[in-house]
């Protein structure tokens, strides 16, 4: 029994050697993103200790064959807090409170992966740090929800013959309240990032 336990602990230690882990909390501390880097980038999201998103993968493929997020080498990681008031000209309030914590993961393959934790949600984005032009071929963003939550989905308005024609719109629409399992694969939805 002792030999089996020792072998298991040694295997667990070896598999975690190449893995780096980071945690980012929302300003109120209720939302937490746990990011792990190994041969791929995984993230988990919890709210007040309850898991909302199980381990989910992120990566971006370029047309030259490079895949940001697969076997990528981390250079450094920085965190910071951002808090400002934004004047709103056409909104129900005069000012919007823009408050978030940020984790910037910089990689040797000339890209950053930026996570932001707001009290209302977690966001991420890939950013090129190269002077050269790039063409994005594909992005893999997996969302392994723990259950079929309801969501407000801002579908692009109008009747379109295909998904490509939905990119030409005014971004004025209503939100549909629906379970995640019922989100349409034939309609684009959008989000805003400041």
C-alpha atoms as a PDB file:
ATOM      1  CA  UNK A   1       0.000   0.000   0.000  1.00  0.00           C
ATOM      2  CA  UNK A   2       2.842   2.394   0.883  1.00  0.00           C
ATOM      3  CA  UNK A   3       4.538   1.760  -2.493  1.00  0.00           C
ATOM      4  CA  UNK A   4       1.304   2.454  -4.404  1.00  0.00           C
ATOM      5  CA  UNK A   5       0.664   5.669  -2.449  1.00  0.00           C
ATOM      6  CA  UNK A   6       4.258   6.864  -2.945  1.00  0.00           C
ATOM      7  CA  UNK A   7       4.062   6.120  -6.694  1.00  0.00           C
ATOM      8  CA  UNK A   8       0.740   8.009  -6.959  1.00  0.00           C
ATOM      9  CA  UNK A   9       2.111  11.067  -5.123  1.00  0.00           C
ATOM     10  CA  UNK A  10       5.268  11.060  -7.275  1.00  0.00           C
ATOM     11  CA  UNK A  11       3.181  10.894 -10.485  1.00  0.00           C
ATOM     12  CA  UNK A  12       0.969  13.730  -9.233  1.00  0.00           C
ATOM     13  CA  UNK A  13       4.013  15.867  -8.402  1.00  0.00           C
ATOM     14  CA  UNK A  14       5.658  15.241 -11.796  1.00  0.00           C
ATOM     15  CA  UNK A  15       2.466  16.111 -13.702  1.00  0.00           C
ATOM     16  CA  UNK A  16       2.104  19.414 -11.820  1.00  0.00           C
ATOM     17  CA  UNK A  17       5.760  20.517 -12.287  1.00  0.00           C
ATOM     18  CA  UNK A  18       5.081  22.032 -15.702  1.00  0.00           C
ATOM     19  CA  UNK A  19       1.850  23.655 -14.616  1.00  0.00           C
ATOM     20  CA  UNK A  20       1.581  27.287 -13.486  1.00  0.00           C
ATOM     21  CA  UNK A  21      -1.532  28.494 -11.680  1.00  0.00           C
ATOM     22  CA  UNK A  22      -2.921  32.003 -11.249  1.00  0.00           C
ATOM     23  CA  UNK A  23      -5.976  33.344  -9.502  1.00  0.00           C
ATOM     24  CA  UNK A  24      -7.864  36.549 -10.215  1.00  0.00           C
ATOM     25  CA  UNK A  25     -10.686  37.844  -8.001  1.00  0.00           C
ATOM     26  CA  UNK A  26     -13.372  40.415  -8.691  1.00  0.00           C
ATOM     27  CA  UNK A  27     -13.129  43.648  -6.637  1.00  0.00           C
ATOM     28  CA  UNK A  28     -15.771  42.339  -4.181  1.00  0.00           C
ATOM     29  CA  UNK A  29     -14.005  38.927  -4.013  1.00  0.00           C
ATOM     30  CA  UNK A  30     -17.114  36.929  -4.969  1.00  0.00           C
ATOM     31  CA  UNK A  31     -16.044  35.896  -8.497  1.00  0.00           C
ATOM     32  CA  UNK A  32     -12.773  34.009  -8.966  1.00  0.00           C
ATOM     33  CA  UNK A  33     -11.004  32.930 -12.154  1.00  0.00           C
ATOM     34  CA  UNK A  34      -8.436  30.177 -11.637  1.00  0.00           C
ATOM     35  CA  UNK A  35      -6.135  29.944 -14.660  1.00  0.00           C
ATOM     36  CA  UNK A  36      -3.736  27.049 -15.178  1.00  0.00           C
ATOM     37  CA  UNK A  37      -1.002  26.919 -17.811  1.00  0.00           C
ATOM     38  CA  UNK A  38       0.579  23.683 -18.978  1.00  0.00           C
ATOM     39  CA  UNK A  39       0.559  22.393 -22.563  1.00  0.00           C
ATOM     40  CA  UNK A  40      -2.758  24.275 -22.851  1.00  0.00           C
ATOM     41  CA  UNK A  41      -4.559  27.120 -21.094  1.00  0.00           C
ATOM     42  CA  UNK A  42      -7.467  26.126 -18.835  1.00  0.00           C
ATOM     43  CA  UNK A  43      -9.611  28.312 -16.638  1.00  0.00           C
ATOM     44  CA  UNK A  44     -12.259  27.689 -13.967  1.00  0.00           C
ATOM     45  CA  UNK A  45     -14.768  30.249 -12.680  1.00  0.00           C
ATOM     46  CA  UNK A  46     -16.372  30.190  -9.242  1.00  0.00           C
ATOM     47  CA  UNK A  47     -18.881  32.498  -7.556  1.00  0.00           C
ATOM     48  CA  UNK A  48     -18.828  32.585  -3.745  1.00  0.00           C
ATOM     49  CA  UNK A  49     -17.204  29.140  -3.770  1.00  0.00           C
ATOM     50  CA  UNK A  50     -19.699  27.559  -6.205  1.00  0.00           C
ATOM     51  CA  UNK A  51     -18.175  26.372  -9.488  1.00  0.00           C
ATOM     52  CA  UNK A  52     -19.879  28.021 -12.472  1.00  0.00           C
ATOM     53  CA  UNK A  53     -17.419  26.929 -15.179  1.00  0.00           C
ATOM     54  CA  UNK A  54     -15.492  23.666 -14.963  1.00  0.00           C
ATOM     55  CA  UNK A  55     -12.016  23.510 -16.583  1.00  0.00           C
ATOM     56  CA  UNK A  56     -12.384  25.141 -20.000  1.00  0.00           C
ATOM     57  CA  UNK A  57      -9.778  25.583 -22.749  1.00  0.00           C
ATOM     58  CA  UNK A  58      -8.726  28.796 -24.543  1.00  0.00           C
ATOM     59  CA  UNK A  59      -6.514  29.129 -27.623  1.00  0.00           C
ATOM     60  CA  UNK A  60      -6.229  31.045 -30.867  1.00  0.00           C
ATOM     61  CA  UNK A  61      -4.924  29.652 -34.171  1.00  0.00           C
ATOM     62  CA  UNK A  62      -3.114  31.858 -36.675  1.00  0.00           C
ATOM     63  CA  UNK A  63      -2.938  31.172 -40.408  1.00  0.00           C
ATOM     64  CA  UNK A  64       0.824  30.483 -40.174  1.00  0.00           C
ATOM     65  CA  UNK A  65       0.175  27.396 -37.995  1.00  0.00           C
ATOM     66  CA  UNK A  66       0.986  29.054 -34.649  1.00  0.00           C
ATOM     67  CA  UNK A  67      -1.523  28.332 -31.900  1.00  0.00           C
ATOM     68  CA  UNK A  68      -1.536  30.774 -28.995  1.00  0.00           C
ATOM     69  CA  UNK A  69      -2.337  28.732 -25.908  1.00  0.00           C
ATOM     70  CA  UNK A  70      -0.896  25.352 -26.931  1.00  0.00           C
ATOM     71  CA  UNK A  71       2.587  24.700 -25.541  1.00  0.00           C
ATOM     72  CA  UNK A  72       3.030  28.465 -25.099  1.00  0.00           C
ATOM     73  CA  UNK A  73       5.896  29.679 -22.906  1.00  0.00           C
ATOM     74  CA  UNK A  74       5.025  32.238 -20.223  1.00  0.00           C
ATOM     75  CA  UNK A  75       7.412  35.210 -19.871  1.00  0.00           C
ATOM     76  CA  UNK A  76       5.714  36.960 -16.966  1.00  0.00           C
ATOM     77  CA  UNK A  77       2.433  37.669 -15.220  1.00  0.00           C
ATOM     78  CA  UNK A  78       1.248  41.009 -13.840  1.00  0.00           C
ATOM     79  CA  UNK A  79      -1.852  42.045 -11.949  1.00  0.00           C
ATOM     80  CA  UNK A  80      -3.357  45.465 -11.469  1.00  0.00           C
ATOM     81  CA  UNK A  81      -6.554  47.145 -10.346  1.00  0.00           C
ATOM     82  CA  UNK A  82      -8.462  49.676 -12.420  1.00  0.00           C
ATOM     83  CA  UNK A  83     -11.097  52.025 -10.973  1.00  0.00           C
ATOM     84  CA  UNK A  84     -12.489  55.097 -12.686  1.00  0.00           C
ATOM     85  CA  UNK A  85     -15.732  56.899 -13.372  1.00  0.00           C
ATOM     86  CA  UNK A  86     -16.764  57.153 -17.026  1.00  0.00           C
ATOM     87  CA  UNK A  87     -19.017  60.042 -18.027  1.00  0.00           C
ATOM     88  CA  UNK A  88     -22.110  58.737 -19.799  1.00  0.00           C
ATOM     89  CA  UNK A  89     -23.885  61.080 -22.197  1.00  0.00           C
ATOM     90  CA  UNK A  90     -26.818  58.867 -23.165  1.00  0.00           C
ATOM     91  CA  UNK A  91     -27.472  56.539 -20.249  1.00  0.00           C
ATOM     92  CA  UNK A  92     -29.793  56.372 -17.260  1.00  0.00           C
ATOM     93  CA  UNK A  93     -26.938  57.591 -15.005  1.00  0.00           C
ATOM     94  CA  UNK A  94     -24.447  60.407 -15.494  1.00  0.00           C
ATOM     95  CA  UNK A  95     -21.465  58.181 -14.685  1.00  0.00           C
ATOM     96  CA  UNK A  96     -20.557  54.512 -14.937  1.00  0.00           C
ATOM     97  CA  UNK A  97     -18.313  52.913 -12.317  1.00  0.00           C
ATOM     98  CA  UNK A  98     -15.553  51.067 -14.235  1.00  0.00           C
ATOM     99  CA  UNK A  99     -13.905  48.840 -11.611  1.00  0.00           C
ATOM    100  CA  UNK A 100     -12.024  45.600 -12.262  1.00  0.00           C
ATOM    101  CA  UNK A 101      -8.928  43.577 -11.388  1.00  0.00           C
ATOM    102  CA  UNK A 102      -6.729  42.450 -14.264  1.00  0.00           C
ATOM    103  CA  UNK A 103      -4.213  39.662 -14.883  1.00  0.00           C
ATOM    104  CA  UNK A 104      -1.892  40.064 -17.894  1.00  0.00           C
ATOM    105  CA  UNK A 105      -0.105  36.867 -18.948  1.00  0.00           C
ATOM    106  CA  UNK A 106       2.739  37.660 -21.398  1.00  0.00           C
ATOM    107  CA  UNK A 107       4.035  34.829 -23.586  1.00  0.00           C
ATOM    108  CA  UNK A 108       7.266  34.350 -25.567  1.00  0.00           C
ATOM    109  CA  UNK A 109       5.212  33.684 -28.716  1.00  0.00           C
ATOM    110  CA  UNK A 110       4.430  37.444 -28.992  1.00  0.00           C
ATOM    111  CA  UNK A 111       1.009  37.551 -27.390  1.00  0.00           C
ATOM    112  CA  UNK A 112      -0.678  38.457 -24.130  1.00  0.00           C
ATOM    113  CA  UNK A 113      -3.722  36.839 -22.599  1.00  0.00           C
ATOM    114  CA  UNK A 114      -5.598  39.365 -20.471  1.00  0.00           C
ATOM    115  CA  UNK A 115      -8.217  38.370 -17.916  1.00  0.00           C
ATOM    116  CA  UNK A 116     -10.444  40.951 -16.227  1.00  0.00           C
ATOM    117  CA  UNK A 117     -12.588  40.272 -13.167  1.00  0.00           C
ATOM    118  CA  UNK A 118     -15.502  42.645 -12.601  1.00  0.00           C
ATOM    119  CA  UNK A 119     -18.093  42.228  -9.843  1.00  0.00           C
ATOM    120  CA  UNK A 120     -20.552  41.319 -12.610  1.00  0.00           C
ATOM    121  CA  UNK A 121     -18.430  38.905 -14.657  1.00  0.00           C
ATOM    122  CA  UNK A 122     -15.081  37.654 -15.962  1.00  0.00           C
ATOM    123  CA  UNK A 123     -13.701  38.498 -19.417  1.00  0.00           C
ATOM    124  CA  UNK A 124     -10.590  37.584 -21.400  1.00  0.00           C
ATOM    125  CA  UNK A 125      -8.921  38.593 -24.649  1.00  0.00           C
ATOM    126  CA  UNK A 126      -5.855  37.700 -26.693  1.00  0.00           C
ATOM    127  CA  UNK A 127      -3.585  40.608 -27.720  1.00  0.00           C
ATOM    128  CA  UNK A 128      -0.735  40.420 -30.252  1.00  0.00           C
ATOM    129  CA  UNK A 129       2.528  42.009 -29.088  1.00  0.00           C
ATOM    130  CA  UNK A 130       4.250  41.561 -32.456  1.00  0.00           C
ATOM    131  CA  UNK A 131       4.968  44.332 -34.974  1.00  0.00           C
ATOM    132  CA  UNK A 132       4.042  41.936 -37.785  1.00  0.00           C
ATOM    133  CA  UNK A 133       0.529  41.600 -39.172  1.00  0.00           C
ATOM    134  CA  UNK A 134      -1.305  38.436 -38.180  1.00  0.00           C
ATOM    135  CA  UNK A 135      -4.340  36.641 -39.544  1.00  0.00           C
ATOM    136  CA  UNK A 136      -6.528  34.759 -37.115  1.00  0.00           C
ATOM    137  CA  UNK A 137      -7.754  31.456 -38.460  1.00  0.00           C
ATOM    138  CA  UNK A 138      -9.770  30.202 -35.476  1.00  0.00           C
ATOM    139  CA  UNK A 139     -10.404  30.742 -31.781  1.00  0.00           C
ATOM    140  CA  UNK A 140     -11.270  27.936 -29.397  1.00  0.00           C
ATOM    141  CA  UNK A 141     -13.225  29.206 -26.400  1.00  0.00           C
ATOM    142  CA  UNK A 142     -14.776  26.375 -24.416  1.00  0.00           C
ATOM    143  CA  UNK A 143     -17.397  27.083 -21.750  1.00  0.00           C
ATOM    144  CA  UNK A 144     -17.978  23.964 -19.629  1.00  0.00           C
ATOM    145  CA  UNK A 145     -20.870  25.190 -17.506  1.00  0.00           C
ATOM    146  CA  UNK A 146     -21.790  23.077 -14.491  1.00  0.00           C
ATOM    147  CA  UNK A 147     -25.512  23.218 -15.418  1.00  0.00           C
ATOM    148  CA  UNK A 148     -27.914  24.662 -17.982  1.00  0.00           C
ATOM    149  CA  UNK A 149     -27.979  28.242 -16.657  1.00  0.00           C
ATOM    150  CA  UNK A 150     -30.259  30.901 -18.147  1.00  0.00           C
ATOM    151  CA  UNK A 151     -28.558  33.759 -19.970  1.00  0.00           C
ATOM    152  CA  UNK A 152     -29.369  37.085 -21.605  1.00  0.00           C
ATOM    153  CA  UNK A 153     -28.225  36.749 -25.228  1.00  0.00           C
ATOM    154  CA  UNK A 154     -27.918  39.844 -27.476  1.00  0.00           C
ATOM    155  CA  UNK A 155     -28.585  38.334 -30.894  1.00  0.00           C
ATOM    156  CA  UNK A 156     -27.930  40.482 -33.935  1.00  0.00           C
ATOM    157  CA  UNK A 157     -31.272  41.818 -35.188  1.00  0.00           C
ATOM    158  CA  UNK A 158     -32.665  41.189 -38.653  1.00  0.00           C
ATOM    159  CA  UNK A 159     -33.218  38.424 -41.180  1.00  0.00           C
ATOM    160  CA  UNK A 160     -30.003  37.111 -42.700  1.00  0.00           C
ATOM    161  CA  UNK A 161     -29.329  34.433 -45.275  1.00  0.00           C
ATOM    162  CA  UNK A 162     -26.088  33.272 -43.616  1.00  0.00           C
ATOM    163  CA  UNK A 163     -23.884  33.884 -40.593  1.00  0.00           C
ATOM    164  CA  UNK A 164     -21.387  36.071 -42.505  1.00  0.00           C
ATOM    165  CA  UNK A 165     -24.011  38.693 -43.414  1.00  0.00           C
ATOM    166  CA  UNK A 166     -24.795  39.139 -39.709  1.00  0.00           C
ATOM    167  CA  UNK A 167     -21.489  40.984 -39.250  1.00  0.00           C
ATOM    168  CA  UNK A 168     -22.957  44.048 -40.996  1.00  0.00           C
ATOM    169  CA  UNK A 169     -25.384  45.525 -38.472  1.00  0.00           C
ATOM    170  CA  UNK A 170     -25.951  48.451 -36.127  1.00  0.00           C
ATOM    171  CA  UNK A 171     -25.529  46.440 -32.893  1.00  0.00           C
ATOM    172  CA  UNK A 172     -28.903  47.676 -31.711  1.00  0.00           C
ATOM    173  CA  UNK A 173     -31.021  44.860 -30.408  1.00  0.00           C
ATOM    174  CA  UNK A 174     -32.985  43.295 -27.584  1.00  0.00           C
ATOM    175  CA  UNK A 175     -31.732  40.604 -25.244  1.00  0.00           C
ATOM    176  CA  UNK A 176     -33.241  37.122 -25.318  1.00  0.00           C
ATOM    177  CA  UNK A 177     -33.502  35.303 -21.970  1.00  0.00           C
ATOM    178  CA  UNK A 178     -32.876  31.618 -22.640  1.00  0.00           C
ATOM    179  CA  UNK A 179     -31.190  28.493 -21.227  1.00  0.00           C
ATOM    180  CA  UNK A 180     -27.627  28.005 -22.483  1.00  0.00           C
ATOM    181  CA  UNK A 181     -28.688  24.788 -24.245  1.00  0.00           C
ATOM    182  CA  UNK A 182     -31.166  26.763 -26.383  1.00  0.00           C
ATOM    183  CA  UNK A 183     -28.723  29.408 -27.684  1.00  0.00           C
ATOM    184  CA  UNK A 184     -28.932  29.468 -31.485  1.00  0.00           C
ATOM    185  CA  UNK A 185     -25.874  28.364 -33.448  1.00  0.00           C
ATOM    186  CA  UNK A 186     -27.261  30.153 -36.523  1.00  0.00           C
ATOM    187  CA  UNK A 187     -27.295  33.631 -34.994  1.00  0.00           C
ATOM    188  CA  UNK A 188     -24.450  35.881 -33.955  1.00  0.00           C
ATOM    189  CA  UNK A 189     -24.459  37.420 -30.495  1.00  0.00           C
ATOM    190  CA  UNK A 190     -22.056  40.125 -29.398  1.00  0.00           C
ATOM    191  CA  UNK A 191     -20.407  41.533 -26.325  1.00  0.00           C
ATOM    192  CA  UNK A 192     -18.573  44.765 -25.656  1.00  0.00           C
ATOM    193  CA  UNK A 193     -15.093  45.133 -24.182  1.00  0.00           C
ATOM    194  CA  UNK A 194     -13.763  48.479 -23.084  1.00  0.00           C
END
